[in-house]
Each structure stands twice: as structure tokens, then as C-alpha cells.
Amino acid sequence: MTTSSPTRFIFFWLVLLFASCKNESNEKNLARFKDVYLNESDIINEIPITLDQKDSAIFADNYIHKWLVDQMIMDKSEVMIPLEVLKVEKKINKYKMSLISYEFEQFYINKRLDTSISKLQISNYYENHLDDFVLNDYAVKCMYLQVPKKSKFIKEIKGNYHLKNEDMIDKIMEIGQNEEVSLYYSPEEWVFFDDLMKQIPILEKYSKVEFIKKKKKVVLEFNNYIYFINVFDFIIKNGTSPLSFEENKIKSIILNQRSKSLRKKLRQDLYNDGIKNNLIEKIRQ
């Protein structure tokens, strides 16, 4: 079909009409199959608002063509494969019921779902389900500094990176403020050992478990840098995953549990209401 087809002109006019926020009381029929009509309201809401007028006209023309072909398919299929059509209709009705039920339940749940989850609730769930949280990799709590080999701070770092007291910690934090020094210090935060290796490439030469267990405080050289590493704590692979890694997962679990509870309550309330008002009954044979 060329761009000068009557259908395209109709839709180009239609898009202009709606774009200028003008409305007509009498809807125009845009296509017909036997005594079934496709009109403006059937299609206008289907046109994506991101399309310009030209693309909207193309979209509308394609929509009309598909609608007409679909009507022909439905008509022919009823004659040629009536039994299969009945099966399809049953599937469609079943799907329709499932879709309506889902949308209704989601509407009900979204209106009532309490999405606030306290730290205590997360912690309690974690403590009661420790066996569910298995670490898939090695994790550490650590501190490390990266400094150029010719840095003037190397001697001071060597004397303080063990962090045996507050003065040493303060000194390392002070040194870490310098531009040539890269410092990571978060003693309560767990990080995956693989993420640590991305920052300190030479760690790839070591066995993860051997390094974590035996080299708690170590100085390594790689290319033009020296790395000072202090491992405070570690968890080996397949150990219990730390809470900080699992918080988002636990939040999702708690919300899902609340959703299931609301869905169960809704269905039970609907059933009870139907019985109470004599709308439904189980007919016993």
C-alpha cells in the first residue's frame, strides 16, 4: 500500500485531529469486517505517544491491516477447524480469567501492601534462616592502600598499616587523603575477594583460600605500585553469607510473603462473601 492510499490519509487526518485536542461527537468507522467495525476509539489509545505524526499514521495503517486480516482468520477458522476453535476459545477464556484475576489481585495488594521493612525484621529473618544464605565466593573485610613505588609515604605506611591502635588508624587515614595514595578502609563492610582482585591485579597469582587464611597483612609490588593489604576477617566459599550481602534478597522475600498473605486473605474474603450472600455454593452430588 503506498503512502497516498485513502487509509493513510484517514489516519494522518486522525492523528492531526487528536494532536490538536479536537473531539467530534460522532466517531468515524475506519474499517469493516461484515457487520463489525473498527472505529477511532479502538485505535487511538494504541498509538504510542512517542511517535510523530508521520510514524503514527504508518502505525495506524498497519494496525488496520492487521485487524482486518485477524477478522478474516477468525472467520475462516470457524468454518475450517470448528473443533480446534472451541479448544482455542476455552484457552482464551481461561487465560482471560487468569489475567483478570491477576490484575484484580495486584490492584488489591498494591493498595494494602506495607512496604516498610525495619532493620530488626531483616536481621530476625536472617538469623532464623541462616542455612538459606550460602556464600558462593570468598569474602573479606579489609583495608588496602595503593601507592607509587617512589612515594614519600611508603615508610610511614609500613609503620602503620597494621592498624594496631587508633593512632595508626588516624595516620593511615591522613595519608589516604593525598592524591597519589588510593585508600580503601571500611572495616565493617564485606567485599567479595574477586572484587578485591579487580583493584589489586597481582592477587590473581595467589590461591584465594591460602591468601585469605595465611597472608593477613602483606605488602605486594605490581608494575609501578606497592600494595599494603590488611585482612581483618574472612568467610570462605560455601560459608554463611553475611547479612550485608543478603539484605535486598531478604526484603524481597518479606514483601513476597506479605503479598501472598494478602492474596490468600482476599480470596478467602471473596469466598466468604459469596457464601454469605448466596452468590455461590458447592453443589454436592
C-alpha atoms as a PDB file:
ATOM      1  CA  MET A   1       0.000   0.000   0.000  1.00  0.00           C
ATOM      2  CA  THR A   2       1.501   3.395  -0.992  1.00  0.00           C
ATOM      3  CA  THR A   3       1.624   6.495   1.191  1.00  0.00           C
ATOM      4  CA  SER A   4      -1.144   8.035  -0.935  1.00  0.00           C
ATOM      5  CA  SER A   5      -3.687   5.334  -0.002  1.00  0.00           C
ATOM      6  CA  PRO A   6      -7.060   6.506   1.402  1.00  0.00           C
ATOM      7  CA  THR A   7      -6.400   4.682   4.660  1.00  0.00           C
ATOM      8  CA  ARG A   8      -3.176   6.585   5.280  1.00  0.00           C
ATOM      9  CA  PHE A   9      -4.910   9.898   4.577  1.00  0.00           C
ATOM     10  CA  ILE A  10      -7.655   8.996   7.030  1.00  0.00           C
ATOM     11  CA  PHE A  11      -5.163   8.244   9.755  1.00  0.00           C
ATOM     12  CA  PHE A  12      -2.959  11.191   9.034  1.00  0.00           C
ATOM     13  CA  TRP A  13      -6.013  13.361   9.480  1.00  0.00           C
ATOM     14  CA  LEU A  14      -6.956  11.411  12.615  1.00  0.00           C
ATOM     15  CA  VAL A  15      -3.543  11.936  14.218  1.00  0.00           C
ATOM     16  CA  LEU A  16      -3.652  15.654  13.444  1.00  0.00           C
ATOM     17  CA  LEU A  17      -7.124  15.823  14.886  1.00  0.00           C
ATOM     18  CA  PHE A  18      -6.164  14.254  18.215  1.00  0.00           C
ATOM     19  CA  ALA A  19      -2.856  16.077  18.383  1.00  0.00           C
ATOM     20  CA  SER A  20      -4.733  19.374  18.301  1.00  0.00           C
ATOM     21  CA  CYS A  21      -7.041  18.092  21.091  1.00  0.00           C
ATOM     22  CA  LYS A  22     -10.191  18.401  18.996  1.00  0.00           C
ATOM     23  CA  ASN A  23     -13.016  15.934  19.544  1.00  0.00           C
ATOM     24  CA  GLU A  24     -16.032  15.022  17.471  1.00  0.00           C
ATOM     25  CA  SER A  25     -19.213  13.618  18.921  1.00  0.00           C
ATOM     26  CA  ASN A  26     -19.635  11.091  16.107  1.00  0.00           C
ATOM     27  CA  GLU A  27     -16.840   8.559  15.870  1.00  0.00           C
ATOM     28  CA  LYS A  28     -15.645   7.612  12.416  1.00  0.00           C
ATOM     29  CA  ASN A  29     -15.528   3.982  11.352  1.00  0.00           C
ATOM     30  CA  LEU A  30     -12.110   3.214   9.945  1.00  0.00           C
ATOM     31  CA  ALA A  31     -12.532  -0.386   8.822  1.00  0.00           C
ATOM     32  CA  ARG A  32     -15.242  -3.031   8.487  1.00  0.00           C
ATOM     33  CA  PHE A  33     -15.498  -6.786   8.528  1.00  0.00           C
ATOM     34  CA  LYS A  34     -19.042  -7.871   7.695  1.00  0.00           C
ATOM     35  CA  ASP A  35     -21.097  -6.021  10.313  1.00  0.00           C
ATOM     36  CA  VAL A  36     -18.186  -5.464  12.708  1.00  0.00           C
ATOM     37  CA  TYR A  37     -16.490  -2.067  12.628  1.00  0.00           C
ATOM     38  CA  LEU A  38     -13.173  -0.696  13.803  1.00  0.00           C
ATOM     39  CA  ASN A  39     -13.537   2.920  14.864  1.00  0.00           C
ATOM     40  CA  GLU A  40     -11.360   5.767  16.100  1.00  0.00           C
ATOM     41  CA  SER A  41     -11.560   4.932  19.802  1.00  0.00           C
ATOM     42  CA  ASP A  42     -10.414   1.355  19.126  1.00  0.00           C
ATOM     43  CA  ILE A  43      -7.089   2.522  17.822  1.00  0.00           C
ATOM     44  CA  ILE A  44      -6.276   5.988  19.126  1.00  0.00           C
ATOM     45  CA  ASN A  45      -5.124   4.694  22.521  1.00  0.00           C
ATOM     46  CA  GLU A  46      -2.950   2.087  20.838  1.00  0.00           C
ATOM     47  CA  ILE A  47      -0.783   4.673  19.069  1.00  0.00           C
ATOM     48  CA  PRO A  48       2.416   5.227  21.137  1.00  0.00           C
ATOM     49  CA  ILE A  49       2.647   8.827  22.304  1.00  0.00           C
ATOM     50  CA  THR A  50       6.346   8.890  21.375  1.00  0.00           C
ATOM     51  CA  LEU A  51       5.587   8.665  17.643  1.00  0.00           C
ATOM     52  CA  ASP A  52       5.459  11.740  15.443  1.00  0.00           C
ATOM     53  CA  GLN A  53       2.563  12.348  13.057  1.00  0.00           C
ATOM     54  CA  LYS A  54       4.103  10.520  10.113  1.00  0.00           C
ATOM     55  CA  ASP A  55       5.014   7.422  12.131  1.00  0.00           C
ATOM     56  CA  SER A  56       1.652   7.489  13.884  1.00  0.00           C
ATOM     57  CA  ALA A  57      -0.087   7.352  10.506  1.00  0.00           C
ATOM     58  CA  ILE A  58       2.068   4.386   9.480  1.00  0.00           C
ATOM     59  CA  PHE A  59       1.372   2.633  12.790  1.00  0.00           C
ATOM     60  CA  ALA A  60      -2.366   3.204  12.406  1.00  0.00           C
ATOM     61  CA  ASP A  61      -2.407   1.933   8.838  1.00  0.00           C
ATOM     62  CA  ASN A  62      -0.590  -1.245   9.911  1.00  0.00           C
ATOM     63  CA  TYR A  63      -2.994  -1.648  12.818  1.00  0.00           C
ATOM     64  CA  ILE A  64      -5.985  -1.506  10.465  1.00  0.00           C
ATOM     65  CA  HIS A  65      -4.438  -4.029   8.106  1.00  0.00           C
ATOM     66  CA  LYS A  66      -3.686  -6.453  10.946  1.00  0.00           C
ATOM     67  CA  TRP A  67      -7.195  -6.071  12.365  1.00  0.00           C
ATOM     68  CA  LEU A  68      -8.790  -6.887   9.012  1.00  0.00           C
ATOM     69  CA  VAL A  69      -6.561  -9.930   8.459  1.00  0.00           C
ATOM     70  CA  ASP A  70      -7.248 -11.149  12.007  1.00  0.00           C
ATOM     71  CA  GLN A  71     -11.001 -10.934  11.382  1.00  0.00           C
ATOM     72  CA  MET A  72     -10.616 -12.977   8.217  1.00  0.00           C
ATOM     73  CA  ILE A  73      -8.559 -15.600  10.061  1.00  0.00           C
ATOM     74  CA  MET A  74     -11.164 -15.904  12.804  1.00  0.00           C
ATOM     75  CA  ASP A  75     -13.961 -16.207  10.237  1.00  0.00           C
ATOM     76  CA  LYS A  76     -12.195 -18.847   8.142  1.00  0.00           C
ATOM     77  CA  SER A  77     -11.004 -20.837  11.150  1.00  0.00           C
ATOM     78  CA  GLU A  78     -14.545 -21.246  12.477  1.00  0.00           C
ATOM     79  CA  VAL A  79     -15.530 -22.906   9.204  1.00  0.00           C
ATOM     80  CA  MET A  80     -12.415 -24.933   8.551  1.00  0.00           C
ATOM     81  CA  ILE A  81     -11.477 -26.096  12.074  1.00  0.00           C
ATOM     82  CA  PRO A  82     -14.524 -25.699  14.326  1.00  0.00           C
ATOM     83  CA  LEU A  83     -13.330 -28.170  16.984  1.00  0.00           C
ATOM     84  CA  GLU A  84      -9.927 -26.527  17.228  1.00  0.00           C
ATOM     85  CA  VAL A  85     -11.611 -23.140  17.522  1.00  0.00           C
ATOM     86  CA  LEU A  86     -13.596 -24.377  20.502  1.00  0.00           C
ATOM     87  CA  LYS A  87     -10.374 -25.513  22.151  1.00  0.00           C
ATOM     88  CA  VAL A  88      -8.784 -22.158  21.440  1.00  0.00           C
ATOM     89  CA  GLU A  89     -11.798 -20.331  22.862  1.00  0.00           C
ATOM     90  CA  LYS A  90     -11.551 -22.358  26.053  1.00  0.00           C
ATOM     91  CA  LYS A  91      -7.873 -21.490  26.322  1.00  0.00           C
ATOM     92  CA  ILE A  92      -8.630 -17.831  25.656  1.00  0.00           C
ATOM     93  CA  ASN A  93     -11.351 -17.751  28.297  1.00  0.00           C
ATOM     94  CA  LYS A  94      -9.082 -19.487  30.776  1.00  0.00           C
ATOM     95  CA  TYR A  95      -6.289 -17.040  30.054  1.00  0.00           C
ATOM     96  CA  LYS A  96      -8.699 -14.110  30.270  1.00  0.00           C
ATOM     97  CA  MET A  97      -9.907 -15.270  33.680  1.00  0.00           C
ATOM     98  CA  SER A  98      -6.326 -15.713  34.887  1.00  0.00           C
ATOM     99  CA  LEU A  99      -5.337 -12.284  33.606  1.00  0.00           C
ATOM    100  CA  ILE A 100      -8.337 -10.539  35.178  1.00  0.00           C
ATOM    101  CA  SER A 101      -7.762 -12.367  38.470  1.00  0.00           C
ATOM    102  CA  TYR A 102      -4.098 -11.411  38.464  1.00  0.00           C
ATOM    103  CA  GLU A 103      -4.783  -7.736  37.712  1.00  0.00           C
ATOM    104  CA  PHE A 104      -7.508  -7.575  40.373  1.00  0.00           C
ATOM    105  CA  GLU A 105      -5.299  -9.233  42.984  1.00  0.00           C
ATOM    106  CA  GLN A 106      -2.392  -6.930  42.160  1.00  0.00           C
ATOM    107  CA  PHE A 107      -4.648  -3.884  42.456  1.00  0.00           C
ATOM    108  CA  TYR A 108      -5.869  -5.117  45.846  1.00  0.00           C
ATOM    109  CA  ILE A 109      -2.340  -5.926  47.053  1.00  0.00           C
ATOM    110  CA  ASN A 110      -0.785  -2.666  45.846  1.00  0.00           C
ATOM    111  CA  LYS A 111      -3.398  -0.702  47.786  1.00  0.00           C
ATOM    112  CA  ARG A 112      -2.713  -2.563  51.042  1.00  0.00           C
ATOM    113  CA  LEU A 113       0.866  -3.815  50.941  1.00  0.00           C
ATOM    114  CA  ASP A 114       3.053  -2.472  53.726  1.00  0.00           C
ATOM    115  CA  THR A 115       6.440  -1.911  52.064  1.00  0.00           C
ATOM    116  CA  SER A 116       8.245  -0.643  55.151  1.00  0.00           C
ATOM    117  CA  ILE A 117      10.753  -3.178  56.468  1.00  0.00           C
ATOM    118  CA  SER A 118      12.841  -2.437  59.544  1.00  0.00           C
ATOM    119  CA  LYS A 119      16.455  -3.419  60.119  1.00  0.00           C
ATOM    120  CA  LEU A 120      15.245  -5.583  63.007  1.00  0.00           C
ATOM    121  CA  GLN A 121      12.843  -7.508  60.762  1.00  0.00           C
ATOM    122  CA  ILE A 122      15.628  -8.114  58.251  1.00  0.00           C
ATOM    123  CA  SER A 123      18.026  -9.207  60.983  1.00  0.00           C
ATOM    124  CA  ASN A 124      15.467 -11.533  62.588  1.00  0.00           C
ATOM    125  CA  TYR A 125      14.690 -13.200  59.280  1.00  0.00           C
ATOM    126  CA  TYR A 126      18.406 -13.615  58.581  1.00  0.00           C
ATOM    127  CA  GLU A 127      19.116 -15.174  61.978  1.00  0.00           C
ATOM    128  CA  ASN A 128      16.180 -17.582  61.627  1.00  0.00           C
ATOM    129  CA  HIS A 129      17.184 -18.735  58.130  1.00  0.00           C
ATOM    130  CA  LEU A 130      20.984 -18.856  58.212  1.00  0.00           C
ATOM    131  CA  ASP A 131      21.069 -22.140  56.305  1.00  0.00           C
ATOM    132  CA  ASP A 132      19.404 -20.420  53.344  1.00  0.00           C
ATOM    133  CA  PHE A 133      22.241 -17.953  52.881  1.00  0.00           C
ATOM    134  CA  VAL A 134      25.274 -19.682  51.427  1.00  0.00           C
ATOM    135  CA  LEU A 135      28.199 -17.657  50.143  1.00  0.00           C
ATOM    136  CA  ASN A 136      29.118 -18.506  46.558  1.00  0.00           C
ATOM    137  CA  ASP A 137      32.566 -16.955  46.756  1.00  0.00           C
ATOM    138  CA  TYR A 138      35.201 -15.838  49.247  1.00  0.00           C
ATOM    139  CA  ALA A 139      34.591 -12.578  51.114  1.00  0.00           C
ATOM    140  CA  VAL A 140      36.780 -10.357  53.282  1.00  0.00           C
ATOM    141  CA  LYS A 141      36.789  -7.311  55.499  1.00  0.00           C
ATOM    142  CA  CYS A 142      39.974  -5.446  54.745  1.00  0.00           C
ATOM    143  CA  MET A 143      41.997  -2.313  54.242  1.00  0.00           C
ATOM    144  CA  TYR A 144      44.408  -1.639  51.394  1.00  0.00           C
ATOM    145  CA  LEU A 145      46.496   1.207  50.057  1.00  0.00           C
ATOM    146  CA  GLN A 146      47.942   1.611  46.591  1.00  0.00           C
ATOM    147  CA  VAL A 147      50.913   3.956  46.303  1.00  0.00           C
ATOM    148  CA  PRO A 148      53.548   4.601  43.647  1.00  0.00           C
ATOM    149  CA  LYS A 149      56.852   2.840  44.281  1.00  0.00           C
ATOM    150  CA  LYS A 150      58.628   6.174  44.633  1.00  0.00           C
ATOM    151  CA  SER A 151      56.068   7.641  47.037  1.00  0.00           C
ATOM    152  CA  LYS A 152      57.405   9.554  50.023  1.00  0.00           C
ATOM    153  CA  PHE A 153      54.714   7.927  52.204  1.00  0.00           C
ATOM    154  CA  ILE A 154      55.933   4.334  51.926  1.00  0.00           C
ATOM    155  CA  LYS A 155      57.969   4.370  55.142  1.00  0.00           C
ATOM    156  CA  GLU A 156      55.084   5.839  57.148  1.00  0.00           C
ATOM    157  CA  ILE A 157      52.613   3.354  55.674  1.00  0.00           C
ATOM    158  CA  LYS A 158      54.852   0.391  56.513  1.00  0.00           C
ATOM    159  CA  GLY A 159      54.934   1.533  60.125  1.00  0.00           C
ATOM    160  CA  ASN A 160      51.174   1.994  60.439  1.00  0.00           C
ATOM    161  CA  TYR A 161      49.197  -0.215  58.038  1.00  0.00           C
ATOM    162  CA  HIS A 162      48.954  -2.976  60.669  1.00  0.00           C
ATOM    163  CA  LEU A 163      46.407  -0.702  62.409  1.00  0.00           C
ATOM    164  CA  LYS A 164      47.162  -1.942  65.906  1.00  0.00           C
ATOM    165  CA  ASN A 165      45.812   1.173  67.596  1.00  0.00           C
ATOM    166  CA  GLU A 166      43.851   4.358  66.992  1.00  0.00           C
ATOM    167  CA  ASP A 167      46.973   6.402  66.279  1.00  0.00           C
ATOM    168  CA  MET A 168      47.919   4.052  63.435  1.00  0.00           C
ATOM    169  CA  ILE A 169      44.408   4.234  62.009  1.00  0.00           C
ATOM    170  CA  ASP A 170      44.448   8.038  62.187  1.00  0.00           C
ATOM    171  CA  LYS A 171      47.832   8.154  60.455  1.00  0.00           C
ATOM    172  CA  ILE A 172      46.691   5.864  57.619  1.00  0.00           C
ATOM    173  CA  MET A 173      43.518   7.913  57.174  1.00  0.00           C
ATOM    174  CA  GLU A 174      45.632  11.086  56.998  1.00  0.00           C
ATOM    175  CA  ILE A 175      47.976   9.582  54.402  1.00  0.00           C
ATOM    176  CA  GLY A 176      44.987   8.358  52.408  1.00  0.00           C
ATOM    177  CA  GLN A 177      43.923  11.958  51.795  1.00  0.00           C
ATOM    178  CA  ASN A 178      46.850  12.519  49.435  1.00  0.00           C
ATOM    179  CA  GLU A 179      46.169  12.381  45.702  1.00  0.00           C
ATOM    180  CA  GLU A 180      48.909   9.861  44.943  1.00  0.00           C
ATOM    181  CA  VAL A 181      47.521   7.404  47.508  1.00  0.00           C
ATOM    182  CA  SER A 182      44.481   5.192  46.891  1.00  0.00           C
ATOM    183  CA  LEU A 183      42.973   4.031  50.204  1.00  0.00           C
ATOM    184  CA  TYR A 184      40.158   1.595  50.900  1.00  0.00           C
ATOM    185  CA  TYR A 185      39.205   1.376  54.569  1.00  0.00           C
ATOM    186  CA  SER A 186      35.790   0.083  55.597  1.00  0.00           C
ATOM    187  CA  PRO A 187      36.385  -2.382  58.460  1.00  0.00           C
ATOM    188  CA  GLU A 188      32.721  -3.410  58.849  1.00  0.00           C
ATOM    189  CA  GLU A 189      31.959  -3.918  55.162  1.00  0.00           C
ATOM    190  CA  TRP A 190      32.247  -7.312  53.490  1.00  0.00           C
ATOM    191  CA  VAL A 191      33.566  -7.388  49.919  1.00  0.00           C
ATOM    192  CA  PHE A 192      33.952 -10.300  47.534  1.00  0.00           C
ATOM    193  CA  PHE A 193      37.565 -11.368  47.077  1.00  0.00           C
ATOM    194  CA  ASP A 194      37.022 -11.245  43.307  1.00  0.00           C
ATOM    195  CA  ASP A 195      36.173  -7.543  43.606  1.00  0.00           C
ATOM    196  CA  LEU A 196      39.339  -7.019  45.610  1.00  0.00           C
ATOM    197  CA  MET A 197      41.359  -8.710  42.848  1.00  0.00           C
ATOM    198  CA  LYS A 198      39.983  -6.207  40.343  1.00  0.00           C
ATOM    199  CA  GLN A 199      41.589  -3.441  42.384  1.00  0.00           C
ATOM    200  CA  ILE A 200      44.777  -5.391  43.111  1.00  0.00           C
ATOM    201  CA  PRO A 201      45.547  -7.462  39.982  1.00  0.00           C
ATOM    202  CA  ILE A 202      48.568  -9.256  41.463  1.00  0.00           C
ATOM    203  CA  LEU A 203      46.219 -11.153  43.808  1.00  0.00           C
ATOM    204  CA  GLU A 204      45.258 -13.309  40.828  1.00  0.00           C
ATOM    205  CA  LYS A 205      48.576 -15.129  41.252  1.00  0.00           C
ATOM    206  CA  TYR A 206      47.539 -16.439  44.660  1.00  0.00           C
ATOM    207  CA  SER A 207      45.147 -19.147  45.774  1.00  0.00           C
ATOM    208  CA  LYS A 208      42.189 -17.356  47.286  1.00  0.00           C
ATOM    209  CA  VAL A 209      41.818 -19.545  50.329  1.00  0.00           C
ATOM    210  CA  GLU A 210      45.573 -19.671  51.022  1.00  0.00           C
ATOM    211  CA  PHE A 211      45.948 -15.918  50.747  1.00  0.00           C
ATOM    212  CA  ILE A 212      42.939 -15.175  52.939  1.00  0.00           C
ATOM    213  CA  LYS A 213      43.941 -17.610  55.666  1.00  0.00           C
ATOM    214  CA  LYS A 214      47.709 -17.051  55.750  1.00  0.00           C
ATOM    215  CA  LYS A 215      48.515 -13.588  54.437  1.00  0.00           C
ATOM    216  CA  LYS A 216      46.508 -11.385  56.792  1.00  0.00           C
ATOM    217  CA  LYS A 217      48.934  -8.458  56.460  1.00  0.00           C
ATOM    218  CA  VAL A 218      51.050  -8.286  53.352  1.00  0.00           C
ATOM    219  CA  VAL A 219      52.960  -5.905  51.063  1.00  0.00           C
ATOM    220  CA  LEU A 220      52.904  -6.653  47.323  1.00  0.00           C
ATOM    221  CA  GLU A 221      54.515  -4.961  44.337  1.00  0.00           C
ATOM    222  CA  PHE A 222      52.952  -4.855  40.898  1.00  0.00           C
ATOM    223  CA  ASN A 223      54.065  -2.745  37.949  1.00  0.00           C
ATOM    224  CA  ASN A 224      54.715   0.749  39.312  1.00  0.00           C
ATOM    225  CA  TYR A 225      52.778   0.385  42.550  1.00  0.00           C
ATOM    226  CA  ILE A 226      53.093  -1.051  46.038  1.00  0.00           C
ATOM    227  CA  TYR A 227      50.017  -2.503  47.743  1.00  0.00           C
ATOM    228  CA  PHE A 228      49.628  -2.634  51.509  1.00  0.00           C
ATOM    229  CA  ILE A 229      46.884  -5.099  52.458  1.00  0.00           C
ATOM    230  CA  ASN A 230      45.398  -5.818  55.866  1.00  0.00           C
ATOM    231  CA  VAL A 231      42.682  -8.527  56.055  1.00  0.00           C
ATOM    232  CA  PHE A 232      40.588  -8.147  59.217  1.00  0.00           C
ATOM    233  CA  ASP A 233      38.205 -11.064  58.714  1.00  0.00           C
ATOM    234  CA  PHE A 234      37.149 -13.546  56.046  1.00  0.00           C
ATOM    235  CA  ILE A 235      34.483 -16.048  55.026  1.00  0.00           C
ATOM    236  CA  ILE A 236      35.402 -18.967  52.820  1.00  0.00           C
ATOM    237  CA  LYS A 237      33.290 -20.157  49.926  1.00  0.00           C
ATOM    238  CA  ASN A 238      30.133 -22.079  50.937  1.00  0.00           C
ATOM    239  CA  GLY A 239      30.178 -20.449  54.352  1.00  0.00           C
ATOM    240  CA  THR A 240      27.268 -18.403  55.673  1.00  0.00           C
ATOM    241  CA  SER A 241      26.778 -15.316  53.550  1.00  0.00           C
ATOM    242  CA  PRO A 242      26.979 -12.069  55.567  1.00  0.00           C
ATOM    243  CA  LEU A 243      23.812 -10.098  56.217  1.00  0.00           C
ATOM    244  CA  SER A 244      25.013  -7.102  54.198  1.00  0.00           C
ATOM    245  CA  PHE A 245      25.083  -9.286  51.068  1.00  0.00           C
ATOM    246  CA  GLU A 246      21.572 -10.576  51.665  1.00  0.00           C
ATOM    247  CA  GLU A 247      19.575  -7.510  52.751  1.00  0.00           C
ATOM    248  CA  ASN A 248      17.936  -6.856  49.384  1.00  0.00           C
ATOM    249  CA  LYS A 249      17.104 -10.534  48.954  1.00  0.00           C
ATOM    250  CA  ILE A 250      15.530 -10.660  52.416  1.00  0.00           C
ATOM    251  CA  LYS A 251      13.483  -7.535  51.707  1.00  0.00           C
ATOM    252  CA  SER A 252      12.112  -9.189  48.555  1.00  0.00           C
ATOM    253  CA  ILE A 253      11.292 -12.359  50.488  1.00  0.00           C
ATOM    254  CA  ILE A 254       9.436 -10.453  53.212  1.00  0.00           C
ATOM    255  CA  LEU A 255       7.471  -8.418  50.662  1.00  0.00           C
ATOM    256  CA  ASN A 256       6.601 -11.577  48.763  1.00  0.00           C
ATOM    257  CA  GLN A 257       5.371 -13.220  51.962  1.00  0.00           C
ATOM    258  CA  ARG A 258       3.185 -10.215  52.724  1.00  0.00           C
ATOM    259  CA  SER A 259       1.813 -10.261  49.178  1.00  0.00           C
ATOM    260  CA  LYS A 260       0.958 -13.951  49.446  1.00  0.00           C
ATOM    261  CA  SER A 261      -0.778 -13.348  52.767  1.00  0.00           C
ATOM    262  CA  LEU A 262      -2.865 -10.514  51.288  1.00  0.00           C
ATOM    263  CA  ARG A 263      -3.741 -12.609  48.239  1.00  0.00           C
ATOM    264  CA  LYS A 264      -4.852 -15.507  50.440  1.00  0.00           C
ATOM    265  CA  LYS A 265      -6.964 -13.156  52.588  1.00  0.00           C
ATOM    266  CA  LEU A 266      -8.578 -11.594  49.509  1.00  0.00           C
ATOM    267  CA  ARG A 267      -9.595 -14.952  48.048  1.00  0.00           C
ATOM    268  CA  GLN A 268     -10.925 -16.199  51.375  1.00  0.00           C
ATOM    269  CA  ASP A 269     -12.876 -12.965  51.958  1.00  0.00           C
ATOM    270  CA  LEU A 270     -14.399 -13.180  48.476  1.00  0.00           C
ATOM    271  CA  TYR A 271     -15.403 -16.789  49.047  1.00  0.00           C
ATOM    272  CA  ASN A 272     -16.941 -15.999  52.436  1.00  0.00           C
ATOM    273  CA  ASP A 273     -18.813 -13.027  50.961  1.00  0.00           C
ATOM    274  CA  GLY A 274     -20.169 -15.170  48.129  1.00  0.00           C
ATOM    275  CA  ILE A 275     -21.418 -17.827  50.574  1.00  0.00           C
ATOM    276  CA  LYS A 276     -22.909 -15.238  52.948  1.00  0.00           C
ATOM    277  CA  ASN A 277     -24.868 -13.516  50.178  1.00  0.00           C
ATOM    278  CA  ASN A 278     -25.909 -16.774  48.496  1.00  0.00           C
ATOM    279  CA  LEU A 279     -23.993 -15.903  45.348  1.00  0.00           C
ATOM    280  CA  ILE A 280     -22.042 -19.151  45.244  1.00  0.00           C
ATOM    281  CA  GLU A 281     -22.394 -22.671  46.548  1.00  0.00           C
ATOM    282  CA  LYS A 282     -20.752 -26.043  46.272  1.00  0.00           C
ATOM    283  CA  ILE A 283     -23.339 -28.465  44.925  1.00  0.00           C
ATOM    284  CA  ARG A 284     -22.786 -31.884  46.442  1.00  0.00           C
ATOM    285  CA  GLN A 285     -23.840 -34.845  44.315  1.00  0.00           C
END
